[in-house]
Amino acid sequence: MISMLLQLFRGQPESYTKGAPAIAFAGGGTGGHLFPAIALAEEVRRHWPTSRMSFFCTKRPIDQNILSRTKFAYQPMSAPRWVGF
């Protein structure tokens, strides 16, 4: 995934790549969604230390429990459960 991000910024005008990327992650409710996103965010931060990342997650306690242990900003949001999916 990080290679896809690197390719995205290659060949872009200098004014576009001069600053670090700002990325929003959406998901939550289970660690299966959050842990891969956190790993990706950490890898992006390794390549761009000044990058800005935010997580938009559910209000379920697991999201706050997991994300509060990171250095990333997060915003809990109401997210109804989908039945039958």
PDB file of N, CA and C in Angstrom:
ATOM      1  N   MET A   1       0.809  -1.182   0.000  1.00  0.00           N
ATOM      2  CA  MET A   1       0.000   0.000   0.000  1.00  0.00           C
ATOM      3  C   MET A   1       0.859   1.256   0.000  1.00  0.00           C
ATOM      4  N   ILE A   2       1.928   1.247   0.764  1.00  0.00           N
ATOM      5  CA  ILE A   2       2.786   2.436   0.805  1.00  0.00           C
ATOM      6  C   ILE A   2       3.394   2.687  -0.569  1.00  0.00           C
ATOM      7  N   SER A   3       3.690   1.627  -1.316  1.00  0.00           N
ATOM      8  CA  SER A   3       4.245   1.827  -2.659  1.00  0.00           C
ATOM      9  C   SER A   3       3.233   2.528  -3.556  1.00  0.00           C
ATOM     10  N   MET A   4       1.948   2.266  -3.346  1.00  0.00           N
ATOM     11  CA  MET A   4       0.923   2.957  -4.128  1.00  0.00           C
ATOM     12  C   MET A   4       0.913   4.442  -3.796  1.00  0.00           C
ATOM     13  N   LEU A   5       1.094   4.781  -2.524  1.00  0.00           N
ATOM     14  CA  LEU A   5       1.152   6.187  -2.138  1.00  0.00           C
ATOM     15  C   LEU A   5       2.393   6.870  -2.699  1.00  0.00           C
ATOM     16  N   LEU A   6       3.515   6.163  -2.655  1.00  0.00           N
ATOM     17  CA  LEU A   6       4.744   6.730  -3.212  1.00  0.00           C
ATOM     18  C   LEU A   6       4.578   6.999  -4.701  1.00  0.00           C
ATOM     19  N   GLN A   7       3.957   6.080  -5.421  1.00  0.00           N
ATOM     20  CA  GLN A   7       3.726   6.272  -6.849  1.00  0.00           C
ATOM     21  C   GLN A   7       2.789   7.441  -7.098  1.00  0.00           C
ATOM     22  N   LEU A   8       1.825   7.622  -6.213  1.00  0.00           N
ATOM     23  CA  LEU A   8       0.873   8.713  -6.360  1.00  0.00           C
ATOM     24  C   LEU A   8       1.577  10.064  -6.356  1.00  0.00           C
ATOM     25  N   PHE A   9       2.584  10.224  -5.501  1.00  0.00           N
ATOM     26  CA  PHE A   9       3.272  11.499  -5.369  1.00  0.00           C
ATOM     27  C   PHE A   9       4.454  11.657  -6.319  1.00  0.00           C
ATOM     28  N   ARG A  10       4.916  10.585  -6.961  1.00  0.00           N
ATOM     29  CA  ARG A  10       6.009  10.699  -7.932  1.00  0.00           C
ATOM     30  C   ARG A  10       5.508  11.399  -9.186  1.00  0.00           C
ATOM     31  N   GLY A  11       6.346  12.232  -9.735  1.00  0.00           N
ATOM     32  CA  GLY A  11       6.000  12.899 -10.985  1.00  0.00           C
ATOM     33  C   GLY A  11       5.027  14.050 -10.818  1.00  0.00           C
ATOM     34  N   GLN A  12       4.688  14.400  -9.595  1.00  0.00           N
ATOM     35  CA  GLN A  12       3.774  15.506  -9.357  1.00  0.00           C
ATOM     36  C   GLN A  12       4.567  16.815  -9.338  1.00  0.00           C
ATOM     37  N   PRO A  13       3.903  17.920  -9.642  1.00  0.00           N
ATOM     38  CA  PRO A  13       4.596  19.213  -9.568  1.00  0.00           C
ATOM     39  C   PRO A  13       5.171  19.439  -8.172  1.00  0.00           C
ATOM     40  N   GLU A  14       6.290  20.157  -8.108  1.00  0.00           N
ATOM     41  CA  GLU A  14       6.955  20.389  -6.823  1.00  0.00           C
ATOM     42  C   GLU A  14       6.026  21.056  -5.821  1.00  0.00           C
ATOM     43  N   SER A  15       5.175  21.961  -6.302  1.00  0.00           N
ATOM     44  CA  SER A  15       4.268  22.639  -5.381  1.00  0.00           C
ATOM     45  C   SER A  15       3.303  21.656  -4.729  1.00  0.00           C
ATOM     46  N   TYR A  16       3.007  20.551  -5.405  1.00  0.00           N
ATOM     47  CA  TYR A  16       2.082  19.553  -4.874  1.00  0.00           C
ATOM     48  C   TYR A  16       2.759  18.676  -3.836  1.00  0.00           C
ATOM     49  N   THR A  17       4.008  18.342  -4.056  1.00  0.00           N
ATOM     50  CA  THR A  17       4.705  17.421  -3.161  1.00  0.00           C
ATOM     51  C   THR A  17       5.542  18.135  -2.107  1.00  0.00           C
ATOM     52  N   LYS A  18       5.594  19.455  -2.165  1.00  0.00           N
ATOM     53  CA  LYS A  18       6.430  20.195  -1.226  1.00  0.00           C
ATOM     54  C   LYS A  18       6.012  19.943   0.216  1.00  0.00           C
ATOM     55  N   GLY A  19       4.729  19.945   0.469  1.00  0.00           N
ATOM     56  CA  GLY A  19       4.222  19.663   1.806  1.00  0.00           C
ATOM     57  C   GLY A  19       3.960  18.173   1.953  1.00  0.00           C
ATOM     58  N   ALA A  20       3.817  17.753   3.164  1.00  0.00           N
ATOM     59  CA  ALA A  20       3.517  16.352   3.424  1.00  0.00           C
ATOM     60  C   ALA A  20       2.035  16.099   3.173  1.00  0.00           C
ATOM     61  N   PRO A  21       1.684  14.872   2.850  1.00  0.00           N
ATOM     62  CA  PRO A  21       0.281  14.578   2.560  1.00  0.00           C
ATOM     63  C   PRO A  21      -0.595  14.645   3.812  1.00  0.00           C
ATOM     64  N   ALA A  22      -1.858  14.931   3.588  1.00  0.00           N
ATOM     65  CA  ALA A  22      -2.882  14.859   4.635  1.00  0.00           C
ATOM     66  C   ALA A  22      -3.821  13.729   4.226  1.00  0.00           C
ATOM     67  N   ILE A  23      -4.001  12.760   5.106  1.00  0.00           N
ATOM     68  CA  ILE A  23      -4.772  11.566   4.774  1.00  0.00           C
ATOM     69  C   ILE A  23      -5.806  11.318   5.855  1.00  0.00           C
ATOM     70  N   ALA A  24      -7.017  10.993   5.433  1.00  0.00           N
ATOM     71  CA  ALA A  24      -8.092  10.634   6.367  1.00  0.00           C
ATOM     72  C   ALA A  24      -8.393   9.146   6.212  1.00  0.00           C
ATOM     73  N   PHE A  25      -8.507   8.457   7.326  1.00  0.00           N
ATOM     74  CA  PHE A  25      -8.871   7.046   7.339  1.00  0.00           C
ATOM     75  C   PHE A  25     -10.275   6.935   7.918  1.00  0.00           C
ATOM     76  N   ALA A  26     -11.101   6.114   7.325  1.00  0.00           N
ATOM     77  CA  ALA A  26     -12.461   5.904   7.823  1.00  0.00           C
ATOM     78  C   ALA A  26     -12.668   4.417   8.048  1.00  0.00           C
ATOM     79  N   GLY A  27     -13.244   4.097   9.172  1.00  0.00           N
ATOM     80  CA  GLY A  27     -13.525   2.701   9.491  1.00  0.00           C
ATOM     81  C   GLY A  27     -13.517   2.526  10.978  1.00  0.00           C
ATOM     82  N   GLY A  28     -13.804   1.347  11.387  1.00  0.00           N
ATOM     83  CA  GLY A  28     -13.785   1.070  12.812  1.00  0.00           C
ATOM     84  C   GLY A  28     -14.857   0.075  13.181  1.00  0.00           C
ATOM     85  N   GLY A  29     -15.011  -0.065  14.452  1.00  0.00           N
ATOM     86  CA  GLY A  29     -15.974  -1.027  14.963  1.00  0.00           C
ATOM     87  C   GLY A  29     -15.329  -2.356  15.293  1.00  0.00           C
ATOM     88  N   THR A  30     -14.210  -2.632  14.619  1.00  0.00           N
ATOM     89  CA  THR A  30     -13.450  -3.851  14.905  1.00  0.00           C
ATOM     90  C   THR A  30     -11.968  -3.550  14.721  1.00  0.00           C
ATOM     91  N   GLY A  31     -11.149  -4.302  15.389  1.00  0.00           N
ATOM     92  CA  GLY A  31      -9.708  -4.152  15.210  1.00  0.00           C
ATOM     93  C   GLY A  31      -9.276  -4.546  13.810  1.00  0.00           C
ATOM     94  N   GLY A  32     -10.067  -5.381  13.155  1.00  0.00           N
ATOM     95  CA  GLY A  32      -9.740  -5.810  11.799  1.00  0.00           C
ATOM     96  C   GLY A  32      -9.721  -4.674  10.800  1.00  0.00           C
ATOM     97  N   HIS A  33     -10.419  -3.595  11.113  1.00  0.00           N
ATOM     98  CA  HIS A  33     -10.388  -2.414  10.254  1.00  0.00           C
ATOM     99  C   HIS A  33      -9.339  -1.417  10.725  1.00  0.00           C
ATOM    100  N   LEU A  34      -9.184  -1.304  12.018  1.00  0.00           N
ATOM    101  CA  LEU A  34      -8.301  -0.265  12.554  1.00  0.00           C
ATOM    102  C   LEU A  34      -6.824  -0.613  12.495  1.00  0.00           C
ATOM    103  N   PHE A  35      -6.455  -1.820  12.861  1.00  0.00           N
ATOM    104  CA  PHE A  35      -5.028  -2.160  12.921  1.00  0.00           C
ATOM    105  C   PHE A  35      -4.324  -2.037  11.565  1.00  0.00           C
ATOM    106  N   PRO A  36      -4.922  -2.494  10.456  1.00  0.00           N
ATOM    107  CA  PRO A  36      -4.252  -2.271   9.160  1.00  0.00           C
ATOM    108  C   PRO A  36      -4.134  -0.786   8.809  1.00  0.00           C
ATOM    109  N   ALA A  37      -5.155  -0.006   9.139  1.00  0.00           N
ATOM    110  CA  ALA A  37      -5.107   1.432   8.855  1.00  0.00           C
ATOM    111  C   ALA A  37      -4.029   2.117   9.694  1.00  0.00           C
ATOM    112  N   ILE A  38      -3.901   1.714  10.947  1.00  0.00           N
ATOM    113  CA  ILE A  38      -2.859   2.279  11.816  1.00  0.00           C
ATOM    114  C   ILE A  38      -1.475   1.913  11.276  1.00  0.00           C
ATOM    115  N   ALA A  39      -1.309   0.674  10.834  1.00  0.00           N
ATOM    116  CA  ALA A  39      -0.017   0.256  10.271  1.00  0.00           C
ATOM    117  C   ALA A  39       0.318   1.082   9.033  1.00  0.00           C
ATOM    118  N   LEU A  40      -0.662   1.325   8.189  1.00  0.00           N
ATOM    119  CA  LEU A  40      -0.435   2.139   7.004  1.00  0.00           C
ATOM    120  C   LEU A  40      -0.094   3.574   7.400  1.00  0.00           C
ATOM    121  N   ALA A  41      -0.819   4.129   8.356  1.00  0.00           N
ATOM    122  CA  ALA A  41      -0.551   5.497   8.810  1.00  0.00           C
ATOM    123  C   ALA A  41       0.857   5.615   9.391  1.00  0.00           C
ATOM    124  N   GLU A  42       1.284   4.623  10.144  1.00  0.00           N
ATOM    125  CA  GLU A  42       2.641   4.650  10.701  1.00  0.00           C
ATOM    126  C   GLU A  42       3.691   4.597   9.602  1.00  0.00           C
ATOM    127  N   GLU A  43       3.441   3.823   8.555  1.00  0.00           N
ATOM    128  CA  GLU A  43       4.391   3.728   7.443  1.00  0.00           C
ATOM    129  C   GLU A  43       4.436   5.047   6.664  1.00  0.00           C
ATOM    130  N   VAL A  44       3.294   5.661   6.454  1.00  0.00           N
ATOM    131  CA  VAL A  44       3.268   6.978   5.791  1.00  0.00           C
ATOM    132  C   VAL A  44       4.039   7.978   6.630  1.00  0.00           C
ATOM    133  N   ARG A  45       3.826   7.961   7.932  1.00  0.00           N
ATOM    134  CA  ARG A  45       4.521   8.890   8.829  1.00  0.00           C
ATOM    135  C   ARG A  45       6.030   8.659   8.779  1.00  0.00           C
ATOM    136  N   ARG A  46       6.436   7.415   8.590  1.00  0.00           N
ATOM    137  CA  ARG A  46       7.872   7.113   8.492  1.00  0.00           C
ATOM    138  C   ARG A  46       8.479   7.767   7.253  1.00  0.00           C
ATOM    139  N   HIS A  47       7.746   7.776   6.151  1.00  0.00           N
ATOM    140  CA  HIS A  47       8.234   8.381   4.906  1.00  0.00           C
ATOM    141  C   HIS A  47       8.063   9.902   4.901  1.00  0.00           C
ATOM    142  N   TRP A  48       6.974  10.382   5.509  1.00  0.00           N
ATOM    143  CA  TRP A  48       6.692  11.816   5.582  1.00  0.00           C
ATOM    144  C   TRP A  48       6.420  12.167   7.035  1.00  0.00           C
ATOM    145  N   PRO A  49       7.460  12.464   7.822  1.00  0.00           N
ATOM    146  CA  PRO A  49       7.280  12.725   9.262  1.00  0.00           C
ATOM    147  C   PRO A  49       6.302  13.856   9.577  1.00  0.00           C
ATOM    148  N   THR A  50       6.123  14.793   8.661  1.00  0.00           N
ATOM    149  CA  THR A  50       5.215  15.911   8.931  1.00  0.00           C
ATOM    150  C   THR A  50       3.818  15.679   8.353  1.00  0.00           C
ATOM    151  N   SER A  51       3.557  14.477   7.881  1.00  0.00           N
ATOM    152  CA  SER A  51       2.240  14.187   7.317  1.00  0.00           C
ATOM    153  C   SER A  51       1.157  14.338   8.383  1.00  0.00           C
ATOM    154  N   ARG A  52      -0.035  14.663   7.924  1.00  0.00           N
ATOM    155  CA  ARG A  52      -1.175  14.833   8.826  1.00  0.00           C
ATOM    156  C   ARG A  52      -2.186  13.729   8.536  1.00  0.00           C
ATOM    157  N   MET A  53      -2.552  13.006   9.568  1.00  0.00           N
ATOM    158  CA  MET A  53      -3.507  11.920   9.392  1.00  0.00           C
ATOM    159  C   MET A  53      -4.564  11.971  10.477  1.00  0.00           C
ATOM    160  N   SER A  54      -5.780  11.663  10.074  1.00  0.00           N
ATOM    161  CA  SER A  54      -6.905  11.627  11.003  1.00  0.00           C
ATOM    162  C   SER A  54      -7.699  10.363  10.751  1.00  0.00           C
ATOM    163  N   PHE A  55      -8.280   9.855  11.808  1.00  0.00           N
ATOM    164  CA  PHE A  55      -9.142   8.688  11.718  1.00  0.00           C
ATOM    165  C   PHE A  55     -10.575   9.102  12.038  1.00  0.00           C
ATOM    166  N   PHE A  56     -11.501   8.691  11.199  1.00  0.00           N
ATOM    167  CA  PHE A  56     -12.921   8.858  11.458  1.00  0.00           C
ATOM    168  C   PHE A  56     -13.438   7.463  11.769  1.00  0.00           C
ATOM    169  N   CYS A  57     -13.927   7.284  13.000  1.00  0.00           N
ATOM    170  CA  CYS A  57     -14.272   5.950  13.473  1.00  0.00           C
ATOM    171  C   CYS A  57     -15.661   5.962  14.099  1.00  0.00           C
ATOM    172  N   THR A  58     -16.075   4.795  14.566  1.00  0.00           N
ATOM    173  CA  THR A  58     -17.366   4.690  15.235  1.00  0.00           C
ATOM    174  C   THR A  58     -17.232   5.133  16.687  1.00  0.00           C
ATOM    175  N   LYS A  59     -18.353   5.210  17.358  1.00  0.00           N
ATOM    176  CA  LYS A  59     -18.347   5.560  18.783  1.00  0.00           C
ATOM    177  C   LYS A  59     -18.230   4.323  19.665  1.00  0.00           C
ATOM    178  N   ARG A  60     -17.982   3.169  19.074  1.00  0.00           N
ATOM    179  CA  ARG A  60     -17.835   1.951  19.860  1.00  0.00           C
ATOM    180  C   ARG A  60     -16.563   2.051  20.706  1.00  0.00           C
ATOM    181  N   PRO A  61     -16.600   1.529  21.925  1.00  0.00           N
ATOM    182  CA  PRO A  61     -15.446   1.638  22.837  1.00  0.00           C
ATOM    183  C   PRO A  61     -14.154   1.071  22.260  1.00  0.00           C
ATOM    184  N   ILE A  62     -14.238   0.044  21.430  1.00  0.00           N
ATOM    185  CA  ILE A  62     -13.011  -0.553  20.889  1.00  0.00           C
ATOM    186  C   ILE A  62     -12.216   0.460  20.072  1.00  0.00           C
ATOM    187  N   ASP A  63     -12.912   1.342  19.353  1.00  0.00           N
ATOM    188  CA  ASP A  63     -12.210   2.336  18.534  1.00  0.00           C
ATOM    189  C   ASP A  63     -11.398   3.291  19.400  1.00  0.00           C
ATOM    190  N   GLN A  64     -12.019   3.818  20.434  1.00  0.00           N
ATOM    191  CA  GLN A  64     -11.305   4.735  21.333  1.00  0.00           C
ATOM    192  C   GLN A  64     -10.182   4.006  22.057  1.00  0.00           C
ATOM    193  N   ASN A  65     -10.431   2.786  22.460  1.00  0.00           N
ATOM    194  CA  ASN A  65      -9.418   2.001  23.166  1.00  0.00           C
ATOM    195  C   ASN A  65      -8.176   1.811  22.292  1.00  0.00           C
ATOM    196  N   ILE A  66      -8.376   1.507  21.038  1.00  0.00           N
ATOM    197  CA  ILE A  66      -7.250   1.265  20.123  1.00  0.00           C
ATOM    198  C   ILE A  66      -6.580   2.582  19.720  1.00  0.00           C
ATOM    199  N   LEU A  67      -7.376   3.544  19.270  1.00  0.00           N
ATOM    200  CA  LEU A  67      -6.804   4.782  18.728  1.00  0.00           C
ATOM    201  C   LEU A  67      -6.205   5.696  19.797  1.00  0.00           C
ATOM    202  N   SER A  68      -6.684   5.611  21.027  1.00  0.00           N
ATOM    203  CA  SER A  68      -6.127   6.464  22.079  1.00  0.00           C
ATOM    204  C   SER A  68      -4.689   6.072  22.413  1.00  0.00           C
ATOM    205  N   ARG A  69      -4.269   4.898  21.996  1.00  0.00           N
ATOM    206  CA  ARG A  69      -2.893   4.451  22.237  1.00  0.00           C
ATOM    207  C   ARG A  69      -1.938   4.891  21.125  1.00  0.00           C
ATOM    208  N   THR A  70      -2.470   5.559  20.117  1.00  0.00           N
ATOM    209  CA  THR A  70      -1.637   6.031  19.007  1.00  0.00           C
ATOM    210  C   THR A  70      -1.423   7.534  19.131  1.00  0.00           C
ATOM    211  N   LYS A  71      -0.623   8.071  18.218  1.00  0.00           N
ATOM    212  CA  LYS A  71      -0.391   9.514  18.183  1.00  0.00           C
ATOM    213  C   LYS A  71      -1.281  10.194  17.142  1.00  0.00           C
ATOM    214  N   PHE A  72      -2.241   9.450  16.595  1.00  0.00           N
ATOM    215  CA  PHE A  72      -3.075   9.987  15.525  1.00  0.00           C
ATOM    216  C   PHE A  72      -4.363  10.596  16.073  1.00  0.00           C
ATOM    217  N   ALA A  73      -4.784  11.671  15.422  1.00  0.00           N
ATOM    218  CA  ALA A  73      -6.055  12.292  15.782  1.00  0.00           C
ATOM    219  C   ALA A  73      -7.191  11.373  15.329  1.00  0.00           C
ATOM    220  N   TYR A  74      -8.265  11.365  16.102  1.00  0.00           N
ATOM    221  CA  TYR A  74      -9.416  10.584  15.680  1.00  0.00           C
ATOM    222  C   TYR A  74     -10.700  11.281  16.104  1.00  0.00           C
ATOM    223  N   GLN A  75     -11.749  11.021  15.329  1.00  0.00           N
ATOM    224  CA  GLN A  75     -13.048  11.626  15.576  1.00  0.00           C
ATOM    225  C   GLN A  75     -14.108  10.533  15.553  1.00  0.00           C
ATOM    226  N   PRO A  76     -14.659  10.191  16.730  1.00  0.00           N
ATOM    227  CA  PRO A  76     -15.749   9.208  16.752  1.00  0.00           C
ATOM    228  C   PRO A  76     -17.011   9.804  16.119  1.00  0.00           C
ATOM    229  N   MET A  77     -17.718   8.985  15.360  1.00  0.00           N
ATOM    230  CA  MET A  77     -18.930   9.425  14.681  1.00  0.00           C
ATOM    231  C   MET A  77     -20.002   8.359  14.827  1.00  0.00           C
ATOM    232  N   SER A  78     -21.245   8.782  14.756  1.00  0.00           N
ATOM    233  CA  SER A  78     -22.343   7.820  14.767  1.00  0.00           C
ATOM    234  C   SER A  78     -22.306   7.022  13.471  1.00  0.00           C
ATOM    235  N   ALA A  79     -22.408   5.729  13.605  1.00  0.00           N
ATOM    236  CA  ALA A  79     -22.409   4.859  12.439  1.00  0.00           C
ATOM    237  C   ALA A  79     -23.372   3.713  12.713  1.00  0.00           C
ATOM    238  N   PRO A  80     -24.534   3.729  12.060  1.00  0.00           N
ATOM    239  CA  PRO A  80     -25.491   2.648  12.303  1.00  0.00           C
ATOM    240  C   PRO A  80     -24.977   1.317  11.780  1.00  0.00           C
ATOM    241  N   ARG A  81     -25.374   0.262  12.435  1.00  0.00           N
ATOM    242  CA  ARG A  81     -24.984  -1.065  11.971  1.00  0.00           C
ATOM    243  C   ARG A  81     -25.802  -1.445  10.762  1.00  0.00           C
ATOM    244  N   TRP A  82     -25.163  -2.060   9.801  1.00  0.00           N
ATOM    245  CA  TRP A  82     -25.851  -2.538   8.614  1.00  0.00           C
ATOM    246  C   TRP A  82     -26.274  -3.978   8.858  1.00  0.00           C
ATOM    247  N   VAL A  83     -27.516  -4.252   8.694  1.00  0.00           N
ATOM    248  CA  VAL A  83     -28.033  -5.597   8.914  1.00  0.00           C
ATOM    249  C   VAL A  83     -28.058  -6.334   7.577  1.00  0.00           C
ATOM    250  N   GLY A  84     -27.548  -7.541   7.589  1.00  0.00           N
ATOM    251  CA  GLY A  84     -27.594  -8.360   6.382  1.00  0.00           C
ATOM    252  C   GLY A  84     -26.399  -8.237   5.469  1.00  0.00           C
ATOM    253  N   PHE A  85     -25.351  -7.555   5.901  1.00  0.00           N
ATOM    254  CA  PHE A  85     -24.153  -7.413   5.076  1.00  0.00           C
ATOM    255  C   PHE A  85     -23.008  -8.142   5.693  1.00  0.00           C
TER     256      PHE A  85
END
